N, C-alpha and C. Protein backbone atom coordinates (compact mmCIF):
# COMPACT_ATOMS: atom_id res chain seq x y z
N MET A 1 0.84 -1.21 0.00
CA MET A 1 0.00 0.00 0.00
C MET A 1 0.87 1.25 0.00
N GLY A 2 1.86 1.32 0.90
CA GLY A 2 2.77 2.44 0.92
C GLY A 2 2.29 3.59 1.77
N LEU A 3 3.21 4.30 2.34
CA LEU A 3 2.88 5.51 3.10
C LEU A 3 2.27 6.53 2.15
N GLU A 4 1.21 7.23 2.59
CA GLU A 4 0.49 8.15 1.73
C GLU A 4 0.59 9.58 2.22
N ILE A 5 0.77 10.50 1.27
CA ILE A 5 0.64 11.93 1.54
C ILE A 5 -0.29 12.49 0.47
N LYS A 6 -1.46 12.97 0.88
CA LYS A 6 -2.45 13.45 -0.07
C LYS A 6 -2.82 14.89 0.21
N GLY A 7 -3.21 15.61 -0.83
CA GLY A 7 -3.78 16.93 -0.64
C GLY A 7 -5.26 16.79 -0.30
N ILE A 8 -5.76 17.55 0.68
CA ILE A 8 -7.18 17.53 1.01
C ILE A 8 -7.70 18.95 0.94
N THR A 9 -8.99 19.14 1.19
CA THR A 9 -9.62 20.42 0.88
C THR A 9 -9.34 21.54 1.85
N VAL A 10 -8.50 21.34 2.89
CA VAL A 10 -8.29 22.44 3.86
C VAL A 10 -7.66 23.67 3.22
N PRO A 11 -6.64 23.70 2.30
CA PRO A 11 -5.91 22.54 1.85
C PRO A 11 -4.75 22.24 2.78
N ALA A 12 -4.48 20.96 2.94
CA ALA A 12 -3.38 20.53 3.78
C ALA A 12 -2.96 19.15 3.31
N LEU A 13 -1.86 18.66 3.88
CA LEU A 13 -1.40 17.32 3.56
C LEU A 13 -2.02 16.34 4.55
N LEU A 14 -2.58 15.26 4.04
CA LEU A 14 -3.10 14.20 4.90
C LEU A 14 -2.06 13.08 4.91
N ILE A 15 -1.45 12.84 6.05
CA ILE A 15 -0.37 11.86 6.16
C ILE A 15 -0.90 10.60 6.84
N LYS A 16 -0.82 9.48 6.14
CA LYS A 16 -1.28 8.20 6.67
C LYS A 16 -0.14 7.20 6.59
N LEU A 17 0.21 6.60 7.72
CA LEU A 17 1.31 5.65 7.75
C LEU A 17 0.90 4.33 7.13
N ASP A 18 1.90 3.58 6.66
CA ASP A 18 1.69 2.26 6.08
C ASP A 18 1.66 1.24 7.21
N SER A 19 0.50 0.62 7.43
CA SER A 19 0.36 -0.33 8.54
C SER A 19 1.16 -1.61 8.34
N ASP A 20 1.61 -1.86 7.11
CA ASP A 20 2.40 -3.07 6.83
C ASP A 20 3.88 -2.88 7.10
N LYS A 21 4.28 -1.65 7.45
CA LYS A 21 5.69 -1.37 7.71
C LYS A 21 5.89 -0.98 9.17
N SER A 22 7.12 -1.10 9.62
CA SER A 22 7.44 -0.71 10.99
C SER A 22 7.41 0.81 11.11
N PHE A 23 7.36 1.30 12.34
CA PHE A 23 7.36 2.74 12.56
C PHE A 23 8.63 3.38 11.99
N GLU A 24 9.78 2.70 12.20
CA GLU A 24 11.05 3.24 11.71
C GLU A 24 11.06 3.34 10.19
N GLU A 25 10.48 2.33 9.52
CA GLU A 25 10.41 2.36 8.05
C GLU A 25 9.52 3.49 7.57
N ASN A 26 8.37 3.68 8.25
CA ASN A 26 7.49 4.78 7.90
C ASN A 26 8.17 6.13 8.10
N LEU A 27 8.90 6.26 9.20
CA LEU A 27 9.57 7.52 9.50
C LEU A 27 10.62 7.85 8.45
N LYS A 28 11.35 6.83 8.02
CA LYS A 28 12.39 7.03 7.00
C LYS A 28 11.75 7.44 5.67
N GLU A 29 10.66 6.77 5.30
CA GLU A 29 9.98 7.09 4.04
C GLU A 29 9.37 8.49 4.09
N LEU A 30 8.82 8.85 5.25
CA LEU A 30 8.24 10.18 5.42
C LEU A 30 9.30 11.26 5.24
N GLU A 31 10.47 11.05 5.80
CA GLU A 31 11.55 12.03 5.67
C GLU A 31 11.99 12.16 4.22
N GLU A 32 12.05 11.05 3.50
CA GLU A 32 12.44 11.10 2.08
C GLU A 32 11.46 11.93 1.27
N LYS A 33 10.15 11.79 1.59
CA LYS A 33 9.14 12.54 0.83
C LYS A 33 9.10 14.01 1.24
N LEU A 34 9.29 14.28 2.52
CA LEU A 34 9.25 15.66 3.00
C LEU A 34 10.45 16.48 2.53
N SER A 35 11.52 15.80 2.16
CA SER A 35 12.72 16.51 1.72
C SER A 35 12.50 17.24 0.40
N SER A 36 11.39 16.92 -0.29
CA SER A 36 11.05 17.62 -1.53
C SER A 36 10.64 19.06 -1.21
N ALA A 37 11.07 20.00 -2.03
CA ALA A 37 10.74 21.42 -1.83
C ALA A 37 9.24 21.66 -1.95
N PHE A 38 8.51 20.73 -2.57
CA PHE A 38 7.07 20.88 -2.76
C PHE A 38 6.33 20.98 -1.43
N PHE A 39 6.81 20.23 -0.42
CA PHE A 39 6.11 20.18 0.86
C PHE A 39 6.57 21.23 1.85
N LYS A 40 7.61 21.98 1.53
CA LYS A 40 8.15 22.96 2.47
C LYS A 40 7.15 24.07 2.73
N GLY A 41 6.95 24.38 4.02
CA GLY A 41 6.03 25.45 4.38
C GLY A 41 4.56 25.04 4.33
N SER A 42 4.29 23.73 4.24
CA SER A 42 2.91 23.25 4.16
C SER A 42 2.34 23.00 5.55
N VAL A 43 1.06 22.69 5.59
CA VAL A 43 0.42 22.26 6.85
C VAL A 43 -0.06 20.83 6.65
N SER A 44 -0.19 20.08 7.72
CA SER A 44 -0.51 18.66 7.58
C SER A 44 -1.49 18.20 8.65
N ILE A 45 -2.17 17.12 8.33
CA ILE A 45 -3.06 16.44 9.27
C ILE A 45 -2.60 14.99 9.33
N LEU A 46 -2.42 14.46 10.54
CA LEU A 46 -1.99 13.08 10.71
C LEU A 46 -3.21 12.17 10.83
N ASP A 47 -3.31 11.20 9.92
CA ASP A 47 -4.39 10.22 9.97
C ASP A 47 -3.93 9.07 10.86
N LEU A 48 -4.49 8.98 12.06
CA LEU A 48 -4.07 7.99 13.04
C LEU A 48 -5.00 6.78 13.11
N LYS A 49 -5.95 6.70 12.18
CA LYS A 49 -6.80 5.52 12.14
C LYS A 49 -5.96 4.30 11.79
N ASP A 50 -6.26 3.17 12.38
CA ASP A 50 -5.55 1.91 12.14
C ASP A 50 -4.12 1.96 12.64
N THR A 51 -3.80 2.90 13.52
CA THR A 51 -2.46 2.95 14.10
C THR A 51 -2.58 2.98 15.62
N ASN A 52 -1.53 2.61 16.28
CA ASN A 52 -1.50 2.64 17.74
C ASN A 52 -0.16 3.21 18.18
N LEU A 53 0.05 4.48 17.88
CA LEU A 53 1.34 5.11 18.13
C LEU A 53 1.44 5.59 19.57
N SER A 54 2.63 5.51 20.10
CA SER A 54 2.88 6.01 21.44
C SER A 54 3.11 7.52 21.38
N GLU A 55 3.10 8.17 22.56
CA GLU A 55 3.40 9.60 22.62
C GLU A 55 4.79 9.88 22.06
N GLU A 56 5.73 9.01 22.36
CA GLU A 56 7.10 9.19 21.88
C GLU A 56 7.16 9.12 20.36
N GLN A 57 6.42 8.19 19.77
CA GLN A 57 6.41 8.06 18.31
C GLN A 57 5.75 9.27 17.66
N LEU A 58 4.65 9.76 18.26
CA LEU A 58 4.01 10.97 17.74
C LEU A 58 4.94 12.16 17.81
N ASP A 59 5.69 12.25 18.89
CA ASP A 59 6.66 13.34 19.04
C ASP A 59 7.72 13.27 17.94
N LYS A 60 8.16 12.06 17.60
CA LYS A 60 9.17 11.91 16.55
C LYS A 60 8.63 12.37 15.20
N ILE A 61 7.37 12.04 14.92
CA ILE A 61 6.76 12.48 13.66
C ILE A 61 6.66 14.01 13.63
N GLU A 62 6.21 14.60 14.74
CA GLU A 62 6.07 16.06 14.80
C GLU A 62 7.42 16.75 14.65
N GLN A 63 8.45 16.19 15.27
CA GLN A 63 9.78 16.78 15.17
C GLN A 63 10.29 16.71 13.73
N LEU A 64 9.98 15.60 13.04
CA LEU A 64 10.39 15.46 11.65
C LEU A 64 9.68 16.47 10.76
N LEU A 65 8.37 16.66 10.99
CA LEU A 65 7.62 17.64 10.22
C LEU A 65 8.15 19.05 10.47
N LYS A 66 8.45 19.35 11.72
CA LYS A 66 8.98 20.66 12.06
C LYS A 66 10.33 20.89 11.39
N LYS A 67 11.14 19.85 11.30
CA LYS A 67 12.46 19.94 10.65
C LYS A 67 12.33 20.43 9.21
N TYR A 68 11.26 20.01 8.54
CA TYR A 68 11.05 20.41 7.15
C TYR A 68 10.00 21.52 7.03
N ASN A 69 9.82 22.29 8.12
CA ASN A 69 8.95 23.46 8.13
C ASN A 69 7.52 23.12 7.70
N THR A 70 7.05 21.96 8.19
CA THR A 70 5.68 21.54 7.94
C THR A 70 4.93 21.54 9.26
N LYS A 71 3.85 22.28 9.35
CA LYS A 71 3.12 22.44 10.61
C LYS A 71 1.99 21.43 10.73
N VAL A 72 1.85 20.80 11.92
CA VAL A 72 0.75 19.88 12.18
C VAL A 72 -0.50 20.70 12.51
N LEU A 73 -1.51 20.58 11.67
CA LEU A 73 -2.74 21.33 11.86
C LEU A 73 -3.72 20.59 12.77
N GLY A 74 -3.67 19.26 12.74
CA GLY A 74 -4.58 18.49 13.57
C GLY A 74 -4.42 17.00 13.35
N TYR A 75 -5.34 16.23 13.92
CA TYR A 75 -5.30 14.78 13.86
C TYR A 75 -6.64 14.24 13.39
N LYS A 76 -6.59 13.10 12.75
CA LYS A 76 -7.79 12.42 12.30
C LYS A 76 -7.77 11.02 12.88
N ALA A 77 -8.76 10.69 13.72
CA ALA A 77 -8.77 9.38 14.37
C ALA A 77 -10.21 8.97 14.65
N GLU A 78 -10.45 7.66 14.59
CA GLU A 78 -11.80 7.14 14.85
C GLU A 78 -12.13 7.23 16.34
N ASN A 79 -11.14 6.92 17.17
CA ASN A 79 -11.35 6.96 18.61
C ASN A 79 -10.52 8.10 19.18
N LYS A 80 -11.15 9.26 19.42
CA LYS A 80 -10.42 10.44 19.86
C LYS A 80 -9.76 10.24 21.21
N LYS A 81 -10.29 9.29 22.03
CA LYS A 81 -9.72 9.09 23.35
C LYS A 81 -8.31 8.51 23.29
N LYS A 82 -7.99 7.89 22.15
CA LYS A 82 -6.66 7.32 22.00
C LYS A 82 -5.61 8.40 21.72
N VAL A 83 -6.07 9.58 21.32
CA VAL A 83 -5.14 10.64 20.93
C VAL A 83 -5.28 11.79 21.91
N VAL A 84 -4.35 11.93 22.80
CA VAL A 84 -4.38 13.02 23.76
C VAL A 84 -3.22 13.95 23.42
N ARG A 85 -3.52 15.01 22.67
CA ARG A 85 -2.49 15.92 22.20
C ARG A 85 -2.94 17.35 22.44
N LYS A 86 -2.01 18.25 22.46
CA LYS A 86 -2.33 19.65 22.67
C LYS A 86 -3.01 20.26 21.46
N ILE A 87 -2.71 19.73 20.26
CA ILE A 87 -3.30 20.28 19.04
C ILE A 87 -4.69 19.69 18.87
N PRO A 88 -5.73 20.51 18.63
CA PRO A 88 -7.09 19.99 18.55
C PRO A 88 -7.35 19.21 17.28
N GLU A 89 -8.42 18.41 17.29
CA GLU A 89 -8.87 17.72 16.09
C GLU A 89 -9.24 18.76 15.03
N ILE A 90 -9.01 18.41 13.78
CA ILE A 90 -9.30 19.34 12.69
C ILE A 90 -10.80 19.64 12.62
N THR A 91 -11.64 18.72 13.18
CA THR A 91 -13.08 18.94 13.14
C THR A 91 -13.54 20.00 14.12
N GLU A 92 -12.70 20.39 15.06
CA GLU A 92 -13.08 21.41 16.02
C GLU A 92 -13.00 22.78 15.37
N ARG A 93 -14.01 23.57 15.55
CA ARG A 93 -14.07 24.86 14.86
C ARG A 93 -12.97 25.81 15.29
N LYS A 94 -12.48 25.65 16.52
CA LYS A 94 -11.47 26.60 16.99
C LYS A 94 -10.15 26.45 16.26
N SER A 95 -9.92 25.33 15.56
CA SER A 95 -8.67 25.15 14.86
C SER A 95 -8.66 25.80 13.48
N LEU A 96 -9.83 25.94 12.85
CA LEU A 96 -9.91 26.46 11.48
C LEU A 96 -11.17 27.28 11.31
N LYS A 97 -11.01 28.52 10.85
CA LYS A 97 -12.17 29.39 10.56
C LYS A 97 -12.32 29.46 9.06
N ILE A 98 -13.50 29.10 8.55
CA ILE A 98 -13.77 29.11 7.12
C ILE A 98 -14.66 30.31 6.79
N ILE A 99 -14.19 31.14 5.87
CA ILE A 99 -14.96 32.30 5.39
C ILE A 99 -15.38 31.98 3.96
N ASN A 100 -16.66 31.68 3.77
CA ASN A 100 -17.13 31.24 2.46
C ASN A 100 -17.69 32.42 1.65
N LYS A 101 -16.88 33.44 1.48
CA LYS A 101 -17.29 34.61 0.70
C LYS A 101 -16.05 35.48 0.46
N THR A 102 -16.18 36.43 -0.42
CA THR A 102 -15.11 37.40 -0.66
C THR A 102 -15.06 38.40 0.49
N VAL A 103 -13.84 38.70 0.94
CA VAL A 103 -13.64 39.68 2.00
C VAL A 103 -13.44 41.05 1.33
N ARG A 104 -14.35 41.96 1.55
CA ARG A 104 -14.35 43.22 0.82
C ARG A 104 -13.50 44.29 1.50
N SER A 105 -13.21 45.33 0.76
CA SER A 105 -12.41 46.44 1.27
C SER A 105 -13.01 47.00 2.56
N GLY A 106 -12.16 47.23 3.56
CA GLY A 106 -12.61 47.77 4.82
C GLY A 106 -12.97 46.71 5.84
N GLN A 107 -13.19 45.46 5.40
CA GLN A 107 -13.51 44.39 6.34
C GLN A 107 -12.23 43.89 7.01
N ARG A 108 -12.38 43.43 8.25
CA ARG A 108 -11.23 42.96 9.03
C ARG A 108 -11.61 41.65 9.73
N ILE A 109 -10.81 40.63 9.54
CA ILE A 109 -11.05 39.33 10.16
C ILE A 109 -9.84 38.98 11.02
N GLU A 110 -10.08 38.71 12.29
CA GLU A 110 -9.02 38.28 13.21
C GLU A 110 -9.43 36.95 13.83
N TYR A 111 -8.48 36.00 13.90
CA TYR A 111 -8.82 34.69 14.43
C TYR A 111 -7.59 34.03 15.05
N ASP A 112 -7.82 33.38 16.20
CA ASP A 112 -6.76 32.65 16.88
C ASP A 112 -6.75 31.22 16.36
N GLY A 113 -6.10 31.03 15.23
CA GLY A 113 -6.06 29.73 14.57
C GLY A 113 -5.78 29.92 13.09
N ASP A 114 -6.14 28.93 12.28
CA ASP A 114 -5.95 29.00 10.83
C ASP A 114 -7.20 29.56 10.17
N VAL A 115 -7.03 30.30 9.08
CA VAL A 115 -8.15 30.91 8.37
C VAL A 115 -8.14 30.46 6.92
N LEU A 116 -9.29 29.98 6.47
CA LEU A 116 -9.47 29.59 5.07
C LEU A 116 -10.52 30.50 4.45
N ILE A 117 -10.13 31.23 3.40
CA ILE A 117 -11.05 32.11 2.68
C ILE A 117 -11.42 31.44 1.37
N ILE A 118 -12.70 31.13 1.19
CA ILE A 118 -13.16 30.58 -0.08
C ILE A 118 -13.75 31.74 -0.87
N GLY A 119 -12.87 32.45 -1.55
CA GLY A 119 -13.23 33.68 -2.24
C GLY A 119 -11.99 34.55 -2.33
N ASP A 120 -12.19 35.81 -2.70
CA ASP A 120 -11.08 36.75 -2.84
C ASP A 120 -10.90 37.58 -1.56
N VAL A 121 -9.72 38.18 -1.43
CA VAL A 121 -9.48 39.18 -0.39
C VAL A 121 -9.16 40.48 -1.14
N ASN A 122 -10.10 41.42 -1.10
CA ASN A 122 -9.96 42.65 -1.87
C ASN A 122 -8.96 43.62 -1.25
N PRO A 123 -8.47 44.60 -2.02
CA PRO A 123 -7.57 45.61 -1.46
C PRO A 123 -8.19 46.29 -0.25
N ASP A 124 -7.37 46.60 0.74
CA ASP A 124 -7.77 47.26 1.99
C ASP A 124 -8.66 46.38 2.88
N ALA A 125 -8.69 45.08 2.61
CA ALA A 125 -9.28 44.12 3.54
C ALA A 125 -8.14 43.54 4.38
N TYR A 126 -8.43 43.20 5.64
CA TYR A 126 -7.40 42.73 6.56
C TYR A 126 -7.74 41.34 7.08
N ILE A 127 -6.77 40.43 7.00
CA ILE A 127 -6.91 39.09 7.56
C ILE A 127 -5.74 38.87 8.52
N ILE A 128 -6.05 38.63 9.79
CA ILE A 128 -5.03 38.43 10.82
C ILE A 128 -5.31 37.09 11.50
N ALA A 129 -4.31 36.22 11.54
CA ALA A 129 -4.49 34.89 12.13
C ALA A 129 -3.24 34.50 12.90
N SER A 130 -3.44 33.76 13.98
CA SER A 130 -2.27 33.26 14.73
C SER A 130 -1.63 32.08 14.00
N GLY A 131 -2.38 31.46 13.08
CA GLY A 131 -1.87 30.33 12.32
C GLY A 131 -1.69 30.67 10.85
N ASN A 132 -2.08 29.74 9.99
CA ASN A 132 -1.92 29.89 8.54
C ASN A 132 -3.10 30.64 7.94
N ILE A 133 -2.87 31.25 6.77
CA ILE A 133 -3.94 31.91 6.01
C ILE A 133 -3.95 31.30 4.62
N ILE A 134 -5.11 30.77 4.22
CA ILE A 134 -5.25 30.12 2.92
C ILE A 134 -6.38 30.81 2.17
N VAL A 135 -6.11 31.27 0.96
CA VAL A 135 -7.10 31.99 0.18
C VAL A 135 -7.35 31.24 -1.12
N MET A 136 -8.57 30.71 -1.27
CA MET A 136 -8.93 30.01 -2.50
C MET A 136 -9.50 31.02 -3.50
N GLY A 137 -8.65 31.95 -3.86
CA GLY A 137 -9.02 33.03 -4.76
C GLY A 137 -7.84 33.97 -4.88
N THR A 138 -8.12 35.25 -5.18
CA THR A 138 -7.07 36.26 -5.35
C THR A 138 -6.88 37.03 -4.05
N LEU A 139 -5.67 37.08 -3.59
CA LEU A 139 -5.33 37.81 -2.36
C LEU A 139 -4.70 39.14 -2.73
N ARG A 140 -5.46 40.24 -2.52
CA ARG A 140 -4.98 41.58 -2.84
C ARG A 140 -4.90 42.48 -1.60
N GLY A 141 -5.41 42.02 -0.48
CA GLY A 141 -5.45 42.87 0.71
C GLY A 141 -4.22 42.72 1.58
N VAL A 142 -4.42 42.91 2.89
CA VAL A 142 -3.34 42.87 3.87
C VAL A 142 -3.54 41.62 4.73
N VAL A 143 -2.51 40.80 4.86
CA VAL A 143 -2.61 39.57 5.65
C VAL A 143 -1.45 39.49 6.64
N HIS A 144 -1.75 38.92 7.80
CA HIS A 144 -0.72 38.70 8.83
C HIS A 144 -0.94 37.31 9.41
N ALA A 145 -0.11 36.36 8.98
CA ALA A 145 -0.17 35.01 9.52
C ALA A 145 0.84 34.89 10.66
N GLY A 146 0.62 33.92 11.54
CA GLY A 146 1.54 33.77 12.68
C GLY A 146 1.58 35.01 13.53
N ALA A 147 0.43 35.65 13.72
CA ALA A 147 0.38 36.95 14.39
C ALA A 147 0.86 36.90 15.84
N ASN A 148 0.85 35.72 16.43
CA ASN A 148 1.34 35.58 17.81
C ASN A 148 2.82 35.22 17.87
N GLY A 149 3.48 35.31 16.71
CA GLY A 149 4.92 35.04 16.68
C GLY A 149 5.31 33.69 16.10
N ASP A 150 4.35 32.97 15.52
CA ASP A 150 4.62 31.65 14.95
C ASP A 150 5.31 31.79 13.59
N GLU A 151 6.61 31.53 13.57
CA GLU A 151 7.38 31.68 12.33
C GLU A 151 7.23 30.48 11.40
N THR A 152 6.49 29.44 11.80
CA THR A 152 6.22 28.31 10.91
C THR A 152 4.94 28.51 10.12
N ALA A 153 4.22 29.59 10.38
CA ALA A 153 2.96 29.85 9.68
C ALA A 153 3.23 30.15 8.20
N THR A 154 2.23 29.89 7.36
CA THR A 154 2.35 30.12 5.93
C THR A 154 1.13 30.89 5.42
N VAL A 155 1.30 31.51 4.24
CA VAL A 155 0.20 32.15 3.53
C VAL A 155 0.14 31.51 2.15
N MET A 156 -1.03 31.01 1.76
CA MET A 156 -1.19 30.39 0.45
C MET A 156 -2.38 31.02 -0.27
N ALA A 157 -2.26 31.18 -1.58
CA ALA A 157 -3.37 31.75 -2.36
C ALA A 157 -3.27 31.28 -3.80
N LEU A 158 -4.43 31.24 -4.47
CA LEU A 158 -4.41 30.88 -5.88
C LEU A 158 -3.73 31.98 -6.70
N LYS A 159 -3.95 33.25 -6.28
CA LYS A 159 -3.24 34.38 -6.89
C LYS A 159 -2.77 35.26 -5.74
N LEU A 160 -1.47 35.29 -5.52
CA LEU A 160 -0.89 35.95 -4.35
C LEU A 160 -0.29 37.29 -4.75
N ILE A 161 -1.07 38.37 -4.58
CA ILE A 161 -0.59 39.72 -4.91
C ILE A 161 -1.04 40.69 -3.81
N PRO A 162 -0.61 40.47 -2.57
CA PRO A 162 -1.09 41.26 -1.43
C PRO A 162 -0.52 42.67 -1.40
N GLN A 163 -1.28 43.58 -0.81
CA GLN A 163 -0.73 44.91 -0.53
C GLN A 163 0.40 44.80 0.48
N GLN A 164 0.16 43.96 1.48
CA GLN A 164 1.18 43.74 2.51
C GLN A 164 1.01 42.32 3.05
N LEU A 165 2.11 41.64 3.24
CA LEU A 165 2.08 40.27 3.76
C LEU A 165 3.05 40.17 4.92
N ARG A 166 2.54 39.72 6.07
CA ARG A 166 3.37 39.54 7.25
C ARG A 166 3.25 38.11 7.76
N ILE A 167 4.38 37.58 8.18
CA ILE A 167 4.41 36.30 8.89
C ILE A 167 5.23 36.53 10.15
N ALA A 168 4.59 36.34 11.31
CA ALA A 168 5.22 36.67 12.59
C ALA A 168 5.68 38.13 12.53
N SER A 169 6.97 38.40 12.69
CA SER A 169 7.46 39.78 12.68
C SER A 169 8.06 40.19 11.33
N TYR A 170 7.97 39.30 10.33
CA TYR A 170 8.57 39.58 9.02
C TYR A 170 7.50 40.14 8.08
N LEU A 171 7.91 41.05 7.22
CA LEU A 171 6.97 41.79 6.38
C LEU A 171 7.50 41.93 4.96
N THR A 172 6.59 41.85 4.00
CA THR A 172 6.94 42.13 2.61
C THR A 172 5.74 42.76 1.91
N ARG A 173 5.98 43.43 0.80
CA ARG A 173 4.92 44.07 0.03
C ARG A 173 5.06 43.70 -1.44
N SER A 174 3.95 43.77 -2.17
CA SER A 174 4.00 43.58 -3.61
C SER A 174 4.50 44.87 -4.26
N PRO A 175 5.13 44.79 -5.43
CA PRO A 175 5.53 46.01 -6.14
C PRO A 175 4.31 46.81 -6.56
N ASP A 176 4.54 48.06 -6.99
CA ASP A 176 3.43 48.95 -7.36
C ASP A 176 2.60 48.38 -8.50
N ASN A 177 3.23 47.76 -9.48
CA ASN A 177 2.51 47.18 -10.61
C ASN A 177 2.86 45.69 -10.73
N PRO A 178 2.34 44.90 -9.81
CA PRO A 178 2.71 43.49 -9.79
C PRO A 178 2.09 42.71 -10.95
N GLU A 179 2.81 41.70 -11.41
CA GLU A 179 2.26 40.80 -12.41
C GLU A 179 1.30 39.83 -11.71
N ILE A 180 0.20 39.54 -12.37
CA ILE A 180 -0.75 38.61 -11.78
C ILE A 180 -0.24 37.19 -12.02
N PRO A 181 0.01 36.43 -10.96
CA PRO A 181 0.56 35.08 -11.13
C PRO A 181 -0.45 34.16 -11.81
N GLU A 182 0.06 33.22 -12.58
CA GLU A 182 -0.79 32.28 -13.30
C GLU A 182 -0.88 30.95 -12.57
N TYR A 183 -0.37 30.91 -11.34
CA TYR A 183 -0.33 29.65 -10.59
C TYR A 183 -0.40 29.96 -9.10
N PRO A 184 -0.83 28.99 -8.29
CA PRO A 184 -0.89 29.20 -6.84
C PRO A 184 0.51 29.40 -6.27
N GLU A 185 0.58 30.19 -5.18
CA GLU A 185 1.86 30.44 -4.52
C GLU A 185 1.69 30.35 -3.01
N LYS A 186 2.79 30.13 -2.33
CA LYS A 186 2.79 30.13 -0.87
C LYS A 186 3.95 30.96 -0.37
N ALA A 187 3.77 31.56 0.78
CA ALA A 187 4.81 32.38 1.41
C ALA A 187 5.12 31.78 2.78
N TYR A 188 6.40 31.72 3.10
CA TYR A 188 6.83 31.18 4.38
C TYR A 188 8.18 31.80 4.74
N ILE A 189 8.60 31.59 5.96
CA ILE A 189 9.87 32.15 6.41
C ILE A 189 10.98 31.13 6.24
N GLU A 190 12.07 31.58 5.65
CA GLU A 190 13.26 30.74 5.51
C GLU A 190 14.49 31.65 5.60
N ASN A 191 15.43 31.28 6.43
CA ASN A 191 16.65 32.08 6.62
C ASN A 191 16.32 33.53 6.98
N GLN A 192 15.36 33.68 7.89
CA GLN A 192 14.98 34.98 8.44
C GLN A 192 14.47 35.96 7.39
N GLN A 193 13.79 35.43 6.38
CA GLN A 193 13.13 36.30 5.41
C GLN A 193 11.92 35.57 4.82
N ILE A 194 11.00 36.31 4.26
CA ILE A 194 9.81 35.71 3.65
C ILE A 194 10.15 35.26 2.23
N VAL A 195 9.88 34.00 1.98
CA VAL A 195 10.11 33.41 0.66
C VAL A 195 8.75 33.12 0.03
N ILE A 196 8.60 33.47 -1.24
CA ILE A 196 7.37 33.18 -1.98
C ILE A 196 7.72 32.26 -3.12
N GLU A 197 7.02 31.13 -3.20
CA GLU A 197 7.33 30.18 -4.26
C GLU A 197 6.05 29.58 -4.83
N ARG A 198 6.17 29.08 -6.03
CA ARG A 198 5.06 28.45 -6.73
C ARG A 198 4.70 27.12 -6.06
N ILE A 199 3.40 26.85 -5.94
CA ILE A 199 2.93 25.54 -5.48
C ILE A 199 2.76 24.69 -6.72
N LYS A 200 3.62 23.70 -6.87
CA LYS A 200 3.62 22.87 -8.07
C LYS A 200 2.66 21.72 -7.93
């Protein structure tokens, strides 16, 4: 079957271990896949169904994800009592706020968690989140991810042309006459600066 990493609608990576392999084999395979630049700065959900991982093993997975600048957004499990972690289940509303409309000029959204906008963010609209900001549309306004100082936070958009983009204490702006990108992009911190790259 093989260890799986899939894109899901958050959007995030859904990581499911191969039950036919040992934990060490899964960990090695996960590191090989995460070493790809494609996954850098992403967010992930661990699918713990059909697994019986110890706290120590979960810590090793989280440390590996952190090594490759991949943030754990939540867990997916059939029996929630088996998973006692500080990070909430992805099904809990406090972990992810979904805005199913365009955010218009003058509007301001602040949230302690991750924010998903299904629509555009117009100029002079403000999105502030302690976690990641994901825009399934054109981002033209002002965004601040990792507002509480989380330097692993990311900003993703189908068209990323913000007036101002901040992650933790780092800031960047689009040029006066920016080109409209023809592909999705993500922004994250690397080497103490904001890096913007194409999502392939």
